[in-house]
């Protein structure tokens, strides 16, 4: 019996989005914890205990992760692979970075950027399925994307 990894990824994202513990409260957000949960369900435990900035730094430097275009990240998620969008606090000009799992539904047109961008499962100042340009401020450019390359 084959496991439908695309459905597993969708279910993992939906679980994180529906978790009341990840709802923003008092200015505290939980994007890192949501991405940790989704990644763990997909078989990756390397984000455990990390904050968003640390997750971004890990993806940028680990051989387990590969930088990708938005299109590559969306296609990878559609095939059931774990892809993550992120921005560091330095790039955001904020106290904390932000990360979101790429949701396996394809891309949508961003009028702000003038091209298609991935859909993400955003847990942060608001929680929901949205275009990456709604989860990350376009004033500083498009989010960075990474895909997980599990050891075969």
N, C-alpha and C. Protein backbone atom coordinates (compact mmCIF):
# COMPACT_ATOMS: atom_id res chain seq x y z
N UNK A 1 0.85 -1.18 0.00
CA UNK A 1 0.00 0.00 0.00
C UNK A 1 0.89 1.24 0.00
N UNK A 2 0.66 2.12 -0.93
CA UNK A 2 1.50 3.30 -1.06
C UNK A 2 0.91 4.48 -0.27
N UNK A 3 1.78 5.18 0.37
CA UNK A 3 1.38 6.35 1.15
C UNK A 3 1.28 7.54 0.21
N UNK A 4 0.17 8.24 0.26
CA UNK A 4 -0.01 9.44 -0.55
C UNK A 4 0.63 10.61 0.19
N UNK A 5 1.87 10.93 -0.19
CA UNK A 5 2.62 11.97 0.53
C UNK A 5 2.01 13.35 0.33
N UNK A 6 1.37 13.59 -0.80
CA UNK A 6 0.70 14.86 -1.00
C UNK A 6 -0.43 15.05 -0.01
N UNK A 7 -1.21 14.00 0.22
CA UNK A 7 -2.30 14.07 1.20
C UNK A 7 -1.73 14.19 2.61
N UNK A 8 -0.63 13.48 2.89
CA UNK A 8 0.01 13.58 4.19
C UNK A 8 0.46 15.01 4.46
N UNK A 9 1.07 15.66 3.46
CA UNK A 9 1.52 17.04 3.61
C UNK A 9 0.33 17.97 3.83
N UNK A 10 -0.71 17.81 3.05
CA UNK A 10 -1.92 18.63 3.21
C UNK A 10 -2.48 18.45 4.62
N UNK A 11 -2.61 17.21 5.06
CA UNK A 11 -3.16 16.94 6.39
C UNK A 11 -2.28 17.54 7.49
N UNK A 12 -0.96 17.46 7.31
CA UNK A 12 -0.04 18.04 8.30
C UNK A 12 -0.20 19.56 8.37
N UNK A 13 -0.30 20.20 7.21
CA UNK A 13 -0.49 21.65 7.17
C UNK A 13 -1.82 22.03 7.82
N UNK A 14 -2.87 21.29 7.48
CA UNK A 14 -4.19 21.57 8.04
C UNK A 14 -4.19 21.38 9.55
N UNK A 15 -3.49 20.36 10.03
CA UNK A 15 -3.39 20.13 11.47
C UNK A 15 -2.73 21.32 12.17
N UNK A 16 -1.66 21.83 11.59
CA UNK A 16 -0.98 22.99 12.18
C UNK A 16 -1.87 24.22 12.14
N UNK A 17 -2.56 24.43 11.03
CA UNK A 17 -3.44 25.60 10.91
C UNK A 17 -4.60 25.54 11.90
N UNK A 18 -5.07 24.34 12.20
CA UNK A 18 -6.22 24.17 13.08
C UNK A 18 -5.86 24.08 14.56
N UNK A 19 -4.57 24.02 14.87
CA UNK A 19 -4.14 23.85 16.26
C UNK A 19 -4.30 25.16 17.04
N UNK A 20 -5.19 25.19 18.05
CA UNK A 20 -5.39 26.44 18.80
C UNK A 20 -4.13 26.91 19.53
N UNK A 21 -3.21 26.01 19.81
CA UNK A 21 -1.96 26.41 20.48
C UNK A 21 -1.09 27.28 19.58
N UNK A 22 -1.34 27.24 18.25
CA UNK A 22 -0.54 28.03 17.32
C UNK A 22 -1.20 29.35 16.96
N UNK A 23 -2.36 29.65 17.52
CA UNK A 23 -3.04 30.92 17.23
C UNK A 23 -2.24 32.07 17.84
N UNK A 24 -2.14 33.19 17.13
CA UNK A 24 -1.39 34.33 17.68
C UNK A 24 -2.13 34.90 18.90
N UNK A 25 -1.35 35.27 19.90
CA UNK A 25 -1.95 35.84 21.11
C UNK A 25 -0.92 36.75 21.78
N UNK A 26 -1.35 37.95 22.13
CA UNK A 26 -0.47 38.88 22.84
C UNK A 26 0.80 39.21 22.09
N UNK A 27 0.74 39.22 20.76
CA UNK A 27 1.91 39.54 19.96
C UNK A 27 2.86 38.37 19.76
N UNK A 28 2.52 37.21 20.32
CA UNK A 28 3.36 36.02 20.17
C UNK A 28 2.80 35.17 19.04
N UNK A 29 3.67 34.77 18.12
CA UNK A 29 3.27 33.92 17.00
C UNK A 29 4.04 32.60 17.05
N UNK A 30 3.60 31.64 16.28
CA UNK A 30 4.14 30.28 16.41
C UNK A 30 4.49 29.64 15.07
N UNK A 31 5.00 30.44 14.13
CA UNK A 31 5.33 29.88 12.81
C UNK A 31 6.36 28.77 12.92
N UNK A 32 7.34 28.95 13.79
CA UNK A 32 8.39 27.95 13.94
C UNK A 32 7.83 26.63 14.44
N UNK A 33 6.92 26.69 15.40
CA UNK A 33 6.35 25.47 15.94
C UNK A 33 5.47 24.76 14.91
N UNK A 34 4.74 25.54 14.13
CA UNK A 34 3.91 24.95 13.08
C UNK A 34 4.77 24.25 12.04
N UNK A 35 5.84 24.90 11.60
CA UNK A 35 6.73 24.28 10.62
C UNK A 35 7.43 23.06 11.22
N UNK A 36 7.78 23.12 12.50
CA UNK A 36 8.37 21.96 13.16
C UNK A 36 7.41 20.77 13.13
N UNK A 37 6.14 21.01 13.44
CA UNK A 37 5.13 19.95 13.43
C UNK A 37 4.97 19.36 12.04
N UNK A 38 4.80 20.22 11.04
CA UNK A 38 4.62 19.76 9.67
C UNK A 38 5.84 18.95 9.22
N UNK A 39 7.03 19.47 9.48
CA UNK A 39 8.25 18.78 9.09
C UNK A 39 8.36 17.42 9.77
N UNK A 40 8.05 17.36 11.06
CA UNK A 40 8.13 16.09 11.79
C UNK A 40 7.17 15.06 11.21
N UNK A 41 5.96 15.47 10.87
CA UNK A 41 5.00 14.55 10.26
C UNK A 41 5.53 14.05 8.92
N UNK A 42 6.24 14.91 8.21
CA UNK A 42 6.80 14.53 6.90
C UNK A 42 8.11 13.75 7.03
N UNK A 43 8.62 13.60 8.26
CA UNK A 43 9.81 12.78 8.49
C UNK A 43 11.09 13.53 8.77
N UNK A 44 11.01 14.86 8.92
CA UNK A 44 12.22 15.66 9.18
C UNK A 44 12.14 16.23 10.59
N UNK A 45 13.15 15.95 11.43
CA UNK A 45 13.14 16.40 12.82
C UNK A 45 14.19 17.47 13.11
N UNK A 46 14.89 17.95 12.11
CA UNK A 46 15.99 18.88 12.32
C UNK A 46 15.60 20.28 12.79
N UNK A 47 14.31 20.61 12.77
CA UNK A 47 13.88 21.94 13.21
C UNK A 47 13.52 21.98 14.69
N UNK A 48 13.53 20.85 15.37
CA UNK A 48 13.08 20.77 16.76
C UNK A 48 13.76 21.82 17.63
N UNK A 49 12.96 22.62 18.32
CA UNK A 49 13.47 23.61 19.26
C UNK A 49 14.02 24.88 18.64
N UNK A 50 13.95 25.03 17.31
CA UNK A 50 14.53 26.21 16.66
C UNK A 50 13.50 27.32 16.46
N UNK A 51 13.98 28.54 16.48
CA UNK A 51 13.17 29.71 16.13
C UNK A 51 13.24 29.92 14.62
N UNK A 52 12.39 30.79 14.10
CA UNK A 52 12.31 31.00 12.65
C UNK A 52 13.67 31.39 12.05
N UNK A 53 14.38 32.31 12.68
CA UNK A 53 15.69 32.70 12.14
C UNK A 53 16.64 31.51 12.08
N UNK A 54 16.58 30.66 13.08
CA UNK A 54 17.46 29.49 13.11
C UNK A 54 17.05 28.48 12.03
N UNK A 55 15.74 28.36 11.79
CA UNK A 55 15.26 27.47 10.73
C UNK A 55 15.75 27.96 9.37
N UNK A 56 15.63 29.27 9.13
CA UNK A 56 16.09 29.85 7.86
C UNK A 56 17.60 29.61 7.70
N UNK A 57 18.37 29.87 8.76
CA UNK A 57 19.82 29.68 8.68
C UNK A 57 20.17 28.21 8.44
N UNK A 58 19.46 27.30 9.07
CA UNK A 58 19.72 25.88 8.88
C UNK A 58 19.44 25.47 7.43
N UNK A 59 18.30 25.89 6.89
CA UNK A 59 17.97 25.52 5.51
C UNK A 59 19.00 26.09 4.53
N UNK A 60 19.50 27.29 4.81
CA UNK A 60 20.46 27.93 3.91
C UNK A 60 21.83 27.26 3.95
N UNK A 61 22.11 26.49 5.01
CA UNK A 61 23.45 25.93 5.15
C UNK A 61 23.51 24.40 5.18
N UNK A 62 22.40 23.74 5.34
CA UNK A 62 22.40 22.28 5.50
C UNK A 62 22.34 21.57 4.15
N UNK A 63 23.11 20.49 4.01
CA UNK A 63 23.01 19.70 2.77
C UNK A 63 21.67 18.97 2.65
N UNK A 64 20.89 18.93 3.73
CA UNK A 64 19.57 18.31 3.68
C UNK A 64 18.55 19.19 2.94
N UNK A 65 18.91 20.46 2.73
CA UNK A 65 18.00 21.42 2.12
C UNK A 65 18.65 22.03 0.90
N UNK A 66 17.81 22.38 -0.09
CA UNK A 66 18.29 23.01 -1.31
C UNK A 66 17.44 24.24 -1.59
N UNK A 67 18.11 25.36 -1.88
CA UNK A 67 17.39 26.56 -2.29
C UNK A 67 16.62 26.25 -3.57
N UNK A 68 15.43 26.85 -3.68
CA UNK A 68 14.58 26.56 -4.83
C UNK A 68 13.86 27.83 -5.26
N UNK A 69 13.37 27.83 -6.47
CA UNK A 69 12.49 28.90 -6.92
C UNK A 69 11.10 28.63 -6.34
N UNK A 70 10.24 29.63 -6.41
CA UNK A 70 8.88 29.43 -5.97
C UNK A 70 8.19 28.32 -6.75
N UNK A 71 8.43 28.29 -8.05
CA UNK A 71 7.84 27.27 -8.90
C UNK A 71 8.32 25.88 -8.52
N UNK A 72 9.62 25.74 -8.29
CA UNK A 72 10.16 24.44 -7.87
C UNK A 72 9.57 24.00 -6.54
N UNK A 73 9.44 24.95 -5.60
CA UNK A 73 8.89 24.63 -4.27
C UNK A 73 7.44 24.17 -4.39
N UNK A 74 6.66 24.85 -5.22
CA UNK A 74 5.25 24.49 -5.39
C UNK A 74 5.12 23.10 -6.03
N UNK A 75 5.90 22.84 -7.05
CA UNK A 75 5.86 21.53 -7.73
C UNK A 75 6.28 20.43 -6.76
N UNK A 76 7.30 20.70 -5.97
CA UNK A 76 7.79 19.73 -5.00
C UNK A 76 6.70 19.42 -3.97
N UNK A 77 6.03 20.46 -3.46
CA UNK A 77 4.95 20.26 -2.50
C UNK A 77 3.80 19.48 -3.13
N UNK A 78 3.47 19.80 -4.37
CA UNK A 78 2.40 19.08 -5.06
C UNK A 78 2.70 17.58 -5.18
N UNK A 79 3.98 17.24 -5.25
CA UNK A 79 4.37 15.83 -5.35
C UNK A 79 4.52 15.20 -3.97
N UNK A 80 4.21 15.95 -2.91
CA UNK A 80 4.29 15.41 -1.56
C UNK A 80 5.60 15.66 -0.86
N UNK A 81 6.43 16.55 -1.41
CA UNK A 81 7.70 16.88 -0.79
C UNK A 81 7.57 18.08 0.13
N UNK A 82 8.42 18.13 1.14
CA UNK A 82 8.42 19.23 2.10
C UNK A 82 9.20 20.41 1.54
N UNK A 83 8.51 21.54 1.39
CA UNK A 83 9.14 22.79 0.96
C UNK A 83 8.74 23.87 1.96
N UNK A 84 9.65 24.78 2.23
CA UNK A 84 9.42 25.82 3.23
C UNK A 84 9.80 27.18 2.65
N UNK A 85 8.96 28.17 2.90
CA UNK A 85 9.25 29.57 2.56
C UNK A 85 9.76 30.24 3.82
N UNK A 86 10.68 31.18 3.67
CA UNK A 86 11.18 31.86 4.87
C UNK A 86 11.84 33.18 4.58
N UNK A 87 11.89 33.99 5.62
CA UNK A 87 12.64 35.26 5.61
C UNK A 87 13.24 35.45 7.00
N UNK A 88 14.46 35.93 7.03
CA UNK A 88 15.12 36.21 8.30
C UNK A 88 14.61 37.51 8.90
N UNK A 89 14.82 37.67 10.19
CA UNK A 89 14.42 38.92 10.86
C UNK A 89 15.17 40.11 10.27
N UNK A 90 16.42 39.90 9.89
CA UNK A 90 17.20 40.99 9.30
C UNK A 90 16.54 41.47 8.01
N UNK A 91 16.16 40.54 7.17
CA UNK A 91 15.53 40.90 5.91
C UNK A 91 14.16 41.55 6.15
N UNK A 92 13.43 41.03 7.13
CA UNK A 92 12.11 41.58 7.45
C UNK A 92 12.19 42.92 8.17
N UNK A 93 13.33 43.18 8.81
CA UNK A 93 13.45 44.38 9.63
C UNK A 93 12.61 44.28 10.89
N UNK A 94 12.47 43.06 11.40
CA UNK A 94 11.66 42.81 12.59
C UNK A 94 12.49 42.02 13.60
N UNK A 95 11.92 41.81 14.78
CA UNK A 95 12.63 41.11 15.85
C UNK A 95 12.79 39.62 15.56
N UNK A 96 11.87 39.06 14.77
CA UNK A 96 11.90 37.63 14.49
C UNK A 96 11.72 37.37 13.00
N UNK A 97 12.24 36.26 12.54
CA UNK A 97 12.03 35.83 11.17
C UNK A 97 10.65 35.20 11.02
N UNK A 98 10.37 34.68 9.83
CA UNK A 98 9.10 34.03 9.57
C UNK A 98 9.32 32.86 8.62
N UNK A 99 8.62 31.75 8.89
CA UNK A 99 8.67 30.57 8.03
C UNK A 99 7.25 30.05 7.83
N UNK A 100 7.03 29.40 6.70
CA UNK A 100 5.73 28.78 6.40
C UNK A 100 5.95 27.61 5.45
N UNK A 101 5.23 26.54 5.67
CA UNK A 101 5.31 25.39 4.78
C UNK A 101 4.57 25.70 3.48
N UNK A 102 5.12 25.25 2.37
CA UNK A 102 4.45 25.39 1.08
C UNK A 102 3.31 24.38 1.05
N UNK A 103 2.11 24.86 0.78
CA UNK A 103 0.90 24.04 0.78
C UNK A 103 0.72 23.39 -0.59
N UNK A 104 0.33 22.12 -0.62
CA UNK A 104 0.30 21.40 -1.89
C UNK A 104 -0.95 21.66 -2.76
N UNK A 105 -1.08 22.89 -3.22
CA UNK A 105 -2.20 23.23 -4.12
C UNK A 105 -1.76 24.01 -5.35
N UNK A 106 -0.50 24.23 -5.51
CA UNK A 106 -0.05 24.96 -6.69
C UNK A 106 0.15 26.43 -6.40
N UNK A 107 0.29 27.19 -7.47
CA UNK A 107 0.63 28.60 -7.36
C UNK A 107 -0.57 29.47 -7.69
N UNK A 108 -0.45 30.72 -7.29
CA UNK A 108 -1.46 31.71 -7.62
C UNK A 108 -0.79 32.99 -8.03
N UNK A 109 -1.52 33.84 -8.73
CA UNK A 109 -0.93 35.07 -9.24
C UNK A 109 -0.84 36.13 -8.15
N UNK A 110 0.34 36.70 -8.00
CA UNK A 110 0.56 37.82 -7.09
C UNK A 110 0.56 39.10 -7.91
N UNK A 111 -0.46 39.92 -7.72
CA UNK A 111 -0.51 41.21 -8.42
C UNK A 111 0.64 42.10 -7.97
N UNK A 112 1.04 41.96 -6.70
CA UNK A 112 2.13 42.79 -6.16
C UNK A 112 3.45 42.54 -6.87
N UNK A 113 3.74 41.26 -7.15
CA UNK A 113 5.01 40.92 -7.80
C UNK A 113 4.87 40.73 -9.30
N UNK A 114 3.65 40.55 -9.78
CA UNK A 114 3.43 40.40 -11.21
C UNK A 114 3.74 39.02 -11.75
N UNK A 115 3.83 38.02 -10.87
CA UNK A 115 4.03 36.64 -11.32
C UNK A 115 3.41 35.69 -10.30
N UNK A 116 3.35 34.42 -10.66
CA UNK A 116 2.78 33.41 -9.78
C UNK A 116 3.74 33.10 -8.63
N UNK A 117 3.15 32.83 -7.46
CA UNK A 117 3.92 32.47 -6.27
C UNK A 117 3.26 31.27 -5.61
N UNK A 118 4.00 30.53 -4.78
CA UNK A 118 3.42 29.38 -4.09
C UNK A 118 2.34 29.79 -3.08
N UNK A 119 1.51 28.82 -2.78
CA UNK A 119 0.55 28.93 -1.68
C UNK A 119 1.22 28.35 -0.45
N UNK A 120 1.00 28.97 0.71
CA UNK A 120 1.62 28.49 1.94
C UNK A 120 0.58 28.28 3.03
N UNK A 121 0.94 27.44 3.99
CA UNK A 121 0.16 27.27 5.21
C UNK A 121 0.77 28.24 6.21
N UNK A 122 0.16 29.41 6.34
CA UNK A 122 0.73 30.48 7.16
C UNK A 122 0.22 30.42 8.59
N UNK A 123 1.15 30.30 9.51
CA UNK A 123 0.86 30.44 10.94
C UNK A 123 1.73 31.59 11.40
N UNK A 124 1.10 32.66 11.80
CA UNK A 124 1.84 33.85 12.19
C UNK A 124 0.89 34.89 12.74
N UNK A 125 1.00 36.13 12.24
CA UNK A 125 0.10 37.19 12.70
C UNK A 125 -1.34 36.87 12.33
N UNK A 126 -1.52 36.06 11.29
CA UNK A 126 -2.81 35.45 10.97
C UNK A 126 -2.52 34.03 10.53
N UNK A 127 -3.50 33.17 10.64
CA UNK A 127 -3.33 31.77 10.27
C UNK A 127 -4.29 31.44 9.14
N UNK A 128 -3.75 30.80 8.09
CA UNK A 128 -4.59 30.38 6.99
C UNK A 128 -3.77 29.99 5.78
N UNK A 129 -4.46 29.48 4.78
CA UNK A 129 -3.84 29.13 3.51
C UNK A 129 -3.89 30.38 2.64
N UNK A 130 -2.73 30.81 2.15
CA UNK A 130 -2.67 32.05 1.38
C UNK A 130 -1.47 32.02 0.44
N UNK A 131 -1.42 32.98 -0.45
CA UNK A 131 -0.23 33.13 -1.29
C UNK A 131 0.94 33.55 -0.41
N UNK A 132 2.14 33.18 -0.82
CA UNK A 132 3.31 33.56 -0.03
C UNK A 132 3.43 35.08 0.11
N UNK A 133 2.94 35.82 -0.88
CA UNK A 133 3.02 37.28 -0.81
C UNK A 133 2.05 37.86 0.21
N UNK A 134 1.12 37.07 0.70
CA UNK A 134 0.24 37.52 1.78
C UNK A 134 0.85 37.18 3.15
N UNK A 135 1.74 36.20 3.18
CA UNK A 135 2.37 35.78 4.43
C UNK A 135 3.68 36.52 4.69
N UNK A 136 4.31 37.00 3.62
CA UNK A 136 5.59 37.70 3.72
C UNK A 136 5.44 39.06 3.04
N UNK A 137 6.00 40.12 3.61
CA UNK A 137 5.83 41.45 3.03
C UNK A 137 6.55 41.61 1.69
N UNK A 138 5.80 41.97 0.67
CA UNK A 138 6.41 42.12 -0.66
C UNK A 138 7.31 43.34 -0.75
N UNK A 139 7.22 44.24 0.20
CA UNK A 139 8.07 45.44 0.18
C UNK A 139 9.55 45.06 0.26
N UNK A 140 9.85 43.89 0.82
CA UNK A 140 11.25 43.45 0.91
C UNK A 140 11.55 42.34 -0.10
N UNK A 141 10.61 42.09 -1.01
CA UNK A 141 10.82 41.08 -2.05
C UNK A 141 10.14 39.77 -1.72
N UNK A 142 10.27 38.84 -2.63
CA UNK A 142 9.64 37.53 -2.45
C UNK A 142 10.39 36.71 -1.41
N UNK A 143 9.66 35.85 -0.73
CA UNK A 143 10.27 34.94 0.25
C UNK A 143 11.30 34.05 -0.43
N UNK A 144 12.20 33.52 0.36
CA UNK A 144 13.12 32.50 -0.11
C UNK A 144 12.44 31.15 0.08
N UNK A 145 12.79 30.18 -0.76
CA UNK A 145 12.19 28.85 -0.70
C UNK A 145 13.28 27.80 -0.65
N UNK A 146 12.99 26.73 0.10
CA UNK A 146 13.90 25.60 0.18
C UNK A 146 13.09 24.32 0.09
N UNK A 147 13.71 23.29 -0.46
CA UNK A 147 13.09 21.97 -0.47
C UNK A 147 13.99 21.00 0.27
N UNK A 148 13.33 20.09 0.97
CA UNK A 148 14.05 19.08 1.75
C UNK A 148 14.42 17.92 0.85
N UNK A 149 15.69 17.56 0.88
CA UNK A 149 16.19 16.43 0.09
C UNK A 149 16.49 15.28 1.06
N UNK A 150 15.48 14.46 1.36
CA UNK A 150 15.76 13.36 2.29
C UNK A 150 16.74 12.36 1.68
N UNK A 151 17.53 11.78 2.53
CA UNK A 151 18.48 10.74 2.06
C UNK A 151 17.67 9.57 1.55
N UNK A 152 17.98 9.15 0.37
CA UNK A 152 17.24 8.02 -0.24
C UNK A 152 17.82 6.71 0.22
